[in-house]
Amino acid sequence: MKTYDWIVVGGGITGATLGYELVKVGLRVLLLEQHATPDNATRYSYGGLAYWSGTTPLTRQLCQEASDRYQILPQELDADIELRELDLLLTISADTHPETAASVYANCAVPPSLLSVQDACELEPLINREVISGALTVKHGHIHPDKTAQAYIQAFLRAGGEMQISQVLQILKGGVQTNTGTYHSANVVICAGGLSRKLLKSAGISIKVYFTHAEMIEIPPVDLRLQTLVMPANLQRFELESVSIQVDELWNQPEKELASPILDVGVVQFLDGSLRLGQISRVLTNPHAQINAEESEQWLRKSITQVLPALGSFSGTWHKCLVAFSNKRFIIGAVPEIDGVHIFSGFSNPLVFVPPLAQRFANFVTGKKDEIINQIITSMK
């Protein structure tokens, strides 16, 4: 059986990008994805590129590298990824003082500007002025996330990479076992998003990578036009993540709900007029936990209608997916338990951080020095 230099597990934006970069440096790479039709966090993402959000020298550098990378990416991948710039509108709830909300973003590379209620409604006429005390705004990059992942995959295949639709059942020393066979490789890298923890645990590997169950409504193209990408200034999801990882051992208990679910009201409209409305986040330790779709959709629609009254009644389809996160901004490096097994997951801002880090990681594993990858790997130990 053919042996590869690298097997990449997961065909979302993380695995697709890393697979492409590994092939680009001359390695023999197999990309494994369990779904022929994508059903992952990339598929249901808003597609935002928060280049402005770096708060440390490292994250600011990566944000700048990502911005530079995306400018040449459509030509390099020979695909339209719908790269553009949007106004991001961060709504401040009526019970929050605007200056307090703005202070949270003071250390960002480009701090968002504070808007009055009047200015916020002029920027986004669909906003309900009664539920906000103001808003923040900043220029925000945007792509179509699923088209971008697929563009990476097609470029990966053109460059000589191979892909199989197979579900990975077990990580082995020197390869993986799937539902279609066993594949051999000198190295395996896990880019399986919310399923990464379960997959690694089944091999006796303990890594502090976690997941939330995220829920949103997808609406087919409509004539109504949203002028901005809308999100709350206070993202409860970050607090939910922080609370849920206080005791790592709880994640090994089946069917555990580690915190109450939250809803961050956000909406994005793509170039074809379609909308994504969300998002509910739940912390359930079972990645396959069942969720009451009808109740969730009602909660989503009620909350969306309060902030953007014109959007809550459009017909659409409720979806859920797993969103990976970690106790750091990302988890990158070799795992100690099995030689040749690596992880590349848990990104807090994957559409921004993954492209530059995948490029750096691919060069790093071919023997080139990279202080950033070395710094990240050292910090993970």
Protein backbone atom coordinates (compact mmCIF):
# COMPACT_ATOMS: atom_id res chain seq x y z
CA MET A 1 0.00 0.00 0.00
CA LYS A 2 1.14 3.52 -0.81
CA THR A 3 2.86 5.41 1.99
CA TYR A 4 2.57 9.18 2.37
CA ASP A 5 4.74 11.78 4.04
CA TRP A 6 1.69 13.33 5.71
CA ILE A 7 -1.92 12.39 6.28
CA VAL A 8 -4.14 15.38 7.06
CA VAL A 9 -7.34 14.48 8.92
CA GLY A 10 -10.17 16.93 8.24
CA GLY A 11 -11.21 18.81 5.09
CA GLY A 12 -12.47 22.09 6.56
CA ILE A 13 -10.55 25.32 6.10
CA THR A 14 -7.79 24.16 8.47
CA GLY A 15 -7.10 20.78 6.88
CA ALA A 16 -7.59 22.04 3.32
CA THR A 17 -5.16 24.93 3.86
CA LEU A 18 -2.53 22.84 5.61
CA GLY A 19 -2.79 20.03 3.05
CA TYR A 20 -2.23 22.51 0.24
CA GLU A 21 0.78 24.11 1.93
CA LEU A 22 2.36 20.69 2.64
CA VAL A 23 1.99 19.65 -1.00
CA LYS A 24 3.40 22.98 -2.12
CA VAL A 25 6.70 22.26 -0.36
CA GLY A 26 7.02 18.92 -2.17
CA LEU A 27 5.54 16.42 0.32
CA ARG A 28 3.29 13.45 -0.53
CA VAL A 29 0.01 14.24 1.21
CA LEU A 30 -3.30 12.45 1.69
CA LEU A 31 -6.28 14.51 2.84
CA LEU A 32 -9.05 12.56 4.62
CA GLU A 33 -12.54 14.00 5.04
CA GLN A 34 -15.54 12.02 6.23
CA HIS A 35 -18.25 13.97 4.35
CA ALA A 36 -18.50 14.28 0.57
CA THR A 37 -20.69 17.35 1.14
CA PRO A 38 -19.11 19.61 3.77
CA ASP A 39 -20.88 19.64 7.14
CA ASN A 40 -18.37 21.38 9.37
CA ALA A 41 -17.74 24.73 11.05
CA THR A 42 -16.26 26.14 7.83
CA ARG A 43 -19.47 25.36 5.97
CA TYR A 44 -21.57 27.42 8.39
CA SER A 45 -19.09 30.19 9.21
CA TYR A 46 -19.83 33.90 8.80
CA GLY A 47 -16.62 34.25 6.79
CA GLY A 48 -15.29 37.27 8.66
CA LEU A 49 -11.59 38.21 8.57
CA ALA A 50 -10.76 40.19 11.70
CA TYR A 51 -7.35 41.51 10.60
CA TRP A 52 -7.84 44.41 13.00
CA SER A 53 -8.19 42.29 16.15
CA GLY A 54 -4.58 41.42 17.04
CA THR A 55 -3.75 42.34 20.64
CA THR A 56 -0.20 40.96 21.01
CA PRO A 57 2.92 41.27 18.83
CA LEU A 58 2.38 37.67 17.65
CA THR A 59 -1.30 37.98 16.76
CA ARG A 60 -0.78 41.37 15.13
CA GLN A 61 1.96 39.91 12.95
CA LEU A 62 -0.21 36.95 11.98
CA CYS A 63 -3.13 39.26 11.18
CA GLN A 64 -0.92 41.30 8.86
CA GLU A 65 0.46 38.16 7.22
CA ALA A 66 -3.09 36.89 6.72
CA SER A 67 -4.15 40.16 5.11
CA ASP A 68 -1.19 40.00 2.74
CA ARG A 69 -1.87 36.32 2.00
CA TYR A 70 -5.50 36.85 1.11
CA GLN A 71 -4.65 39.60 -1.38
CA ILE A 72 -2.85 37.08 -3.61
CA LEU A 73 -4.87 33.97 -2.70
CA PRO A 74 -7.61 34.19 -5.37
CA GLN A 75 -4.99 34.30 -8.11
CA GLU A 76 -2.86 31.58 -6.51
CA LEU A 77 -5.81 29.22 -6.02
CA ASP A 78 -7.35 30.25 -9.36
CA ALA A 79 -10.75 30.74 -7.73
CA ASP A 80 -13.20 33.45 -6.71
CA ILE A 81 -13.36 33.27 -2.92
CA GLU A 82 -15.51 36.43 -2.78
CA LEU A 83 -12.81 38.42 -1.00
CA ARG A 84 -14.08 41.88 -0.02
CA GLU A 85 -14.15 44.45 2.76
CA LEU A 86 -17.23 45.07 4.90
CA ASP A 87 -18.21 47.40 7.70
CA LEU A 88 -18.45 45.33 10.87
CA LEU A 89 -21.11 46.66 13.24
CA LEU A 90 -20.69 45.54 16.85
CA THR A 91 -23.96 46.28 18.63
CA ILE A 92 -23.94 47.47 22.23
CA SER A 93 -26.99 46.36 24.21
CA ALA A 94 -29.24 49.02 25.73
CA ASP A 95 -28.21 48.07 29.28
CA THR A 96 -24.46 48.53 28.60
CA HIS A 97 -22.58 51.83 28.69
CA PRO A 98 -21.01 52.44 25.26
CA GLU A 99 -17.64 53.51 26.68
CA THR A 100 -17.46 50.30 28.72
CA ALA A 101 -18.03 48.21 25.61
CA ALA A 102 -15.44 50.20 23.66
CA SER A 103 -12.78 49.74 26.35
CA VAL A 104 -12.71 45.97 25.73
CA TYR A 105 -11.28 46.62 22.26
CA ALA A 106 -8.77 49.30 23.23
CA ASN A 107 -5.73 47.04 22.76
CA CYS A 108 -6.67 45.87 19.27
CA ALA A 109 -4.34 46.77 16.40
CA VAL A 110 -7.19 48.86 14.99
CA PRO A 111 -9.64 49.70 17.79
CA PRO A 112 -13.23 49.95 16.46
CA SER A 113 -14.79 53.42 16.42
CA LEU A 114 -17.65 54.19 18.80
CA LEU A 115 -20.94 55.19 17.15
CA SER A 116 -24.04 56.82 18.60
CA VAL A 117 -27.38 55.10 18.16
CA GLN A 118 -28.19 57.51 15.32
CA ASP A 119 -24.90 56.87 13.52
CA ALA A 120 -25.26 53.10 13.98
CA CYS A 121 -28.73 53.16 12.40
CA GLU A 122 -27.46 55.25 9.50
CA LEU A 123 -24.72 52.70 8.88
CA GLU A 124 -27.15 49.77 9.22
CA PRO A 125 -30.77 50.90 8.65
CA LEU A 126 -32.16 47.46 9.59
CA ILE A 127 -31.00 47.77 13.22
CA ASN A 128 -33.66 48.28 15.91
CA ARG A 129 -32.55 51.46 17.68
CA GLU A 130 -34.61 50.58 20.78
CA VAL A 131 -32.36 47.69 21.82
CA ILE A 132 -28.94 49.36 21.52
CA SER A 133 -27.10 52.12 23.39
CA GLY A 134 -24.66 52.53 20.52
CA ALA A 135 -22.30 50.42 18.41
CA LEU A 136 -18.70 49.98 17.38
CA THR A 137 -17.52 49.77 13.80
CA VAL A 138 -14.33 48.76 11.99
CA LYS A 139 -13.41 47.66 8.48
CA HIS A 140 -13.60 43.87 8.33
CA GLY A 141 -12.35 41.46 5.68
CA HIS A 142 -14.76 38.87 4.33
CA ILE A 143 -14.71 35.71 2.21
CA HIS A 144 -17.08 32.92 1.32
CA PRO A 145 -15.62 30.30 3.72
CA ASP A 146 -16.89 27.16 2.00
CA LYS A 147 -15.80 28.36 -1.44
CA THR A 148 -12.39 29.18 0.01
CA ALA A 149 -11.97 25.72 1.53
CA GLN A 150 -13.03 24.10 -1.73
CA ALA A 151 -10.61 26.32 -3.66
CA TYR A 152 -7.79 25.15 -1.40
CA ILE A 153 -8.80 21.52 -1.96
CA GLN A 154 -8.88 21.90 -5.75
CA ALA A 155 -5.47 23.60 -5.74
CA PHE A 156 -4.19 20.82 -3.46
CA LEU A 157 -5.36 18.18 -5.94
CA ARG A 158 -3.90 20.03 -8.93
CA ALA A 159 -0.56 20.19 -7.11
CA GLY A 160 -0.48 16.39 -6.70
CA GLY A 161 -2.23 15.86 -3.37
CA GLU A 162 -4.65 12.99 -2.93
CA MET A 163 -8.00 13.02 -1.16
CA GLN A 164 -10.28 10.28 0.13
CA ILE A 165 -13.77 10.52 1.60
CA SER A 166 -13.24 8.30 4.62
CA GLN A 167 -14.07 8.47 8.31
CA VAL A 168 -11.00 8.08 10.50
CA LEU A 169 -11.70 5.50 13.20
CA GLN A 170 -8.31 5.22 14.86
CA ILE A 171 -4.97 6.98 14.85
CA LEU A 172 -2.09 4.52 14.56
CA LYS A 173 1.66 4.76 14.80
CA GLY A 174 2.53 5.31 11.17
CA GLY A 175 -0.95 6.00 9.83
CA VAL A 176 -4.70 5.85 10.40
CA GLN A 177 -7.48 3.30 10.21
CA THR A 178 -10.65 4.43 8.45
CA ASN A 179 -13.98 2.91 7.50
CA THR A 180 -12.55 2.23 4.03
CA GLY A 181 -9.11 0.90 4.94
CA THR A 182 -5.77 1.64 6.59
CA TYR A 183 -3.53 4.39 5.26
CA HIS A 184 0.18 4.60 6.05
CA SER A 185 2.17 7.76 6.59
CA ALA A 186 5.28 8.98 8.37
CA ASN A 187 3.22 11.76 9.90
CA VAL A 188 -0.44 12.34 10.77
CA VAL A 189 -1.83 15.78 11.59
CA ILE A 190 -5.26 16.20 13.16
CA CYS A 191 -7.27 19.11 11.75
CA ALA A 192 -10.67 17.67 12.61
CA GLY A 193 -12.13 20.70 14.37
CA GLY A 194 -14.64 19.78 17.05
CA LEU A 195 -13.97 16.06 16.57
CA SER A 196 -10.24 16.43 17.26
CA ARG A 197 -10.56 15.79 20.99
CA LYS A 198 -12.57 12.57 20.55
CA LEU A 199 -10.22 11.28 17.87
CA LEU A 200 -7.11 11.95 19.93
CA LYS A 201 -8.65 10.54 23.10
CA SER A 202 -9.44 7.25 21.32
CA ALA A 203 -5.69 6.90 20.74
CA GLY A 204 -4.85 7.66 24.37
CA ILE A 205 -3.78 11.20 23.57
CA SER A 206 -4.80 13.95 25.98
CA ILE A 207 -4.89 17.43 24.41
CA LYS A 208 -6.70 20.49 25.74
CA VAL A 209 -8.77 21.12 22.64
CA TYR A 210 -12.51 21.51 23.09
CA PHE A 211 -15.68 22.28 21.14
CA THR A 212 -19.02 24.02 21.28
CA HIS A 213 -22.19 23.03 19.46
CA ALA A 214 -22.98 26.06 17.30
CA GLU A 215 -26.39 26.66 15.74
CA MET A 216 -27.51 29.07 13.03
CA ILE A 217 -30.20 29.60 10.39
CA GLU A 218 -29.30 29.73 6.72
CA ILE A 219 -31.64 31.76 4.50
CA PRO A 220 -31.66 31.51 0.68
CA PRO A 221 -31.03 34.67 -1.37
CA VAL A 222 -33.42 37.56 -0.62
CA ASP A 223 -33.85 41.01 -2.13
CA LEU A 224 -33.43 42.79 1.20
CA ARG A 225 -29.88 44.09 1.61
CA LEU A 226 -27.88 44.17 4.83
CA GLN A 227 -25.27 46.97 4.72
CA THR A 228 -22.93 45.54 7.37
CA LEU A 229 -21.86 42.36 9.12
CA VAL A 230 -23.63 42.53 12.49
CA MET A 231 -22.32 40.98 15.70
CA PRO A 232 -22.64 41.87 19.40
CA ALA A 233 -19.82 43.87 20.98
CA ASN A 234 -20.00 41.57 23.99
CA LEU A 235 -19.50 38.06 22.62
CA GLN A 236 -20.82 35.73 25.30
CA ARG A 237 -19.25 32.77 23.51
CA PHE A 238 -15.80 33.69 24.81
CA GLU A 239 -17.03 33.68 28.41
CA LEU A 240 -18.84 30.39 27.79
CA GLU A 241 -15.62 28.82 26.51
CA SER A 242 -13.61 30.14 29.45
CA VAL A 243 -16.07 28.80 32.03
CA SER A 244 -16.35 25.40 30.39
CA ILE A 245 -12.64 24.52 30.53
CA GLN A 246 -12.00 25.28 34.20
CA VAL A 247 -12.02 21.54 34.97
CA ASP A 248 -10.62 19.58 32.04
CA GLU A 249 -11.61 16.20 33.54
CA LEU A 250 -15.31 17.05 33.14
CA TRP A 251 -14.84 16.80 29.39
CA ASN A 252 -14.22 13.08 29.80
CA GLN A 253 -17.70 12.57 31.25
CA PRO A 254 -20.35 11.57 28.69
CA GLU A 255 -23.52 13.58 28.15
CA LYS A 256 -22.35 16.48 30.33
CA GLU A 257 -23.56 20.06 29.85
CA LEU A 258 -20.83 22.25 31.33
CA ALA A 259 -22.58 25.64 31.14
CA SER A 260 -25.88 27.18 30.13
CA PRO A 261 -26.25 27.85 26.40
CA ILE A 262 -25.85 31.39 25.09
CA LEU A 263 -27.01 33.29 22.00
CA ASP A 264 -24.86 35.94 20.31
CA VAL A 265 -27.08 37.70 17.77
CA GLY A 266 -25.17 38.03 14.51
CA VAL A 267 -26.03 38.21 10.81
CA VAL A 268 -24.04 38.20 7.59
CA GLN A 269 -25.22 38.42 3.99
CA PHE A 270 -23.19 36.88 1.16
CA LEU A 271 -22.83 38.32 -2.34
CA ASP A 272 -25.65 36.15 -3.70
CA GLY A 273 -28.07 37.62 -1.14
CA SER A 274 -28.16 34.58 1.15
CA LEU A 275 -28.02 35.12 4.91
CA ARG A 276 -26.63 33.34 7.93
CA LEU A 277 -28.27 34.18 11.24
CA GLY A 278 -26.88 33.02 14.56
CA GLN A 279 -25.55 31.89 16.78
CA ILE A 280 -26.44 29.68 19.70
CA SER A 281 -23.48 28.04 21.44
CA ARG A 282 -23.79 25.04 23.76
CA VAL A 283 -21.12 23.18 25.70
CA LEU A 284 -22.08 19.50 25.57
CA THR A 285 -19.31 16.94 26.05
CA ASN A 286 -20.89 14.50 23.60
CA PRO A 287 -19.99 15.70 20.08
CA HIS A 288 -23.01 13.79 18.75
CA ALA A 289 -25.50 15.16 21.29
CA GLN A 290 -29.07 15.64 20.05
CA ILE A 291 -30.48 19.17 20.13
CA ASN A 292 -34.13 20.22 19.83
CA ALA A 293 -34.02 22.01 16.48
CA GLU A 294 -37.52 23.50 16.76
CA GLU A 295 -36.87 25.13 20.14
CA SER A 296 -33.47 26.39 19.02
CA GLU A 297 -34.85 27.93 15.85
CA GLN A 298 -37.59 29.70 17.82
CA TRP A 299 -35.00 31.12 20.22
CA LEU A 300 -32.80 32.24 17.33
CA ARG A 301 -35.65 33.89 15.41
CA LYS A 302 -37.01 35.70 18.47
CA SER A 303 -33.58 37.13 19.31
CA ILE A 304 -32.75 38.09 15.72
CA THR A 305 -36.12 39.83 15.37
CA GLN A 306 -35.42 41.98 18.43
CA VAL A 307 -32.19 43.33 16.92
CA LEU A 308 -33.00 43.18 13.19
CA PRO A 309 -36.82 43.03 12.91
CA ALA A 310 -36.92 42.64 9.13
CA LEU A 311 -34.91 39.40 9.14
CA GLY A 312 -36.55 37.15 11.71
CA SER A 313 -39.40 35.86 9.54
CA PHE A 314 -37.54 34.81 6.39
CA SER A 315 -37.80 31.09 5.59
CA GLY A 316 -34.58 29.25 6.20
CA THR A 317 -32.94 26.08 7.45
CA TRP A 318 -31.57 25.49 10.94
CA HIS A 319 -28.09 23.94 11.07
CA LYS A 320 -25.65 22.91 13.76
CA CYS A 321 -21.96 22.10 13.74
CA LEU A 322 -19.02 21.74 16.12
CA VAL A 323 -16.65 24.66 16.64
CA ALA A 324 -13.22 23.85 18.05
CA PHE A 325 -11.46 26.05 20.59
CA SER A 326 -8.61 25.73 23.07
CA ASN A 327 -7.24 27.30 26.22
CA LYS A 328 -4.85 29.18 23.90
CA ARG A 329 -5.37 30.85 20.54
CA PHE A 330 -4.33 27.66 18.74
CA ILE A 331 -2.84 24.22 19.40
CA ILE A 332 0.02 23.32 17.06
CA GLY A 333 2.74 20.70 17.34
CA ALA A 334 3.63 17.05 17.85
CA VAL A 335 1.86 15.09 20.57
CA PRO A 336 4.13 13.27 23.03
CA GLU A 337 2.21 9.99 23.18
CA ILE A 338 2.73 8.73 19.59
CA ASP A 339 5.68 9.57 17.35
CA GLY A 340 4.64 11.21 14.10
CA VAL A 341 1.23 12.43 15.31
CA HIS A 342 0.60 16.18 15.28
CA ILE A 343 -2.26 18.55 15.99
CA PHE A 344 -3.20 21.73 14.15
CA SER A 345 -6.48 22.84 15.68
CA GLY A 346 -8.27 24.91 18.34
CA PHE A 347 -7.96 28.24 16.49
CA SER A 348 -9.76 31.22 18.00
CA ASN A 349 -9.77 33.06 14.66
CA PRO A 350 -9.21 30.30 12.10
CA LEU A 351 -9.91 32.14 8.84
CA VAL A 352 -7.20 34.65 9.80
CA PHE A 353 -4.66 32.56 11.69
CA VAL A 354 -4.71 29.34 9.63
CA PRO A 355 -3.33 30.61 6.26
CA PRO A 356 -0.11 32.16 7.60
CA LEU A 357 0.46 29.45 10.21
CA ALA A 358 -0.14 26.61 7.71
CA GLN A 359 2.42 28.13 5.37
CA ARG A 360 4.92 28.50 8.22
CA PHE A 361 4.23 24.99 9.55
CA ALA A 362 4.81 23.39 6.14
CA ASN A 363 8.16 25.12 5.81
CA PHE A 364 9.03 24.24 9.41
CA VAL A 365 8.49 20.49 8.95
CA THR A 366 10.77 20.48 5.91
CA GLY A 367 13.60 21.74 8.09
CA LYS A 368 13.42 25.50 7.69
CA LYS A 369 13.75 27.58 10.82
CA ASP A 370 10.63 29.43 11.90
CA GLU A 371 10.73 31.33 15.15
CA ILE A 372 6.95 31.74 15.33
CA ILE A 373 6.17 28.03 14.94
CA ASN A 374 8.99 27.19 17.34
CA GLN A 375 7.60 29.70 19.84
CA ILE A 376 4.09 28.26 19.56
CA ILE A 377 5.27 24.65 19.91
CA THR A 378 7.42 25.57 22.93
CA SER A 379 4.48 27.32 24.61
CA MET A 380 2.32 24.22 24.14
CA LYS A 381 4.67 21.96 26.12
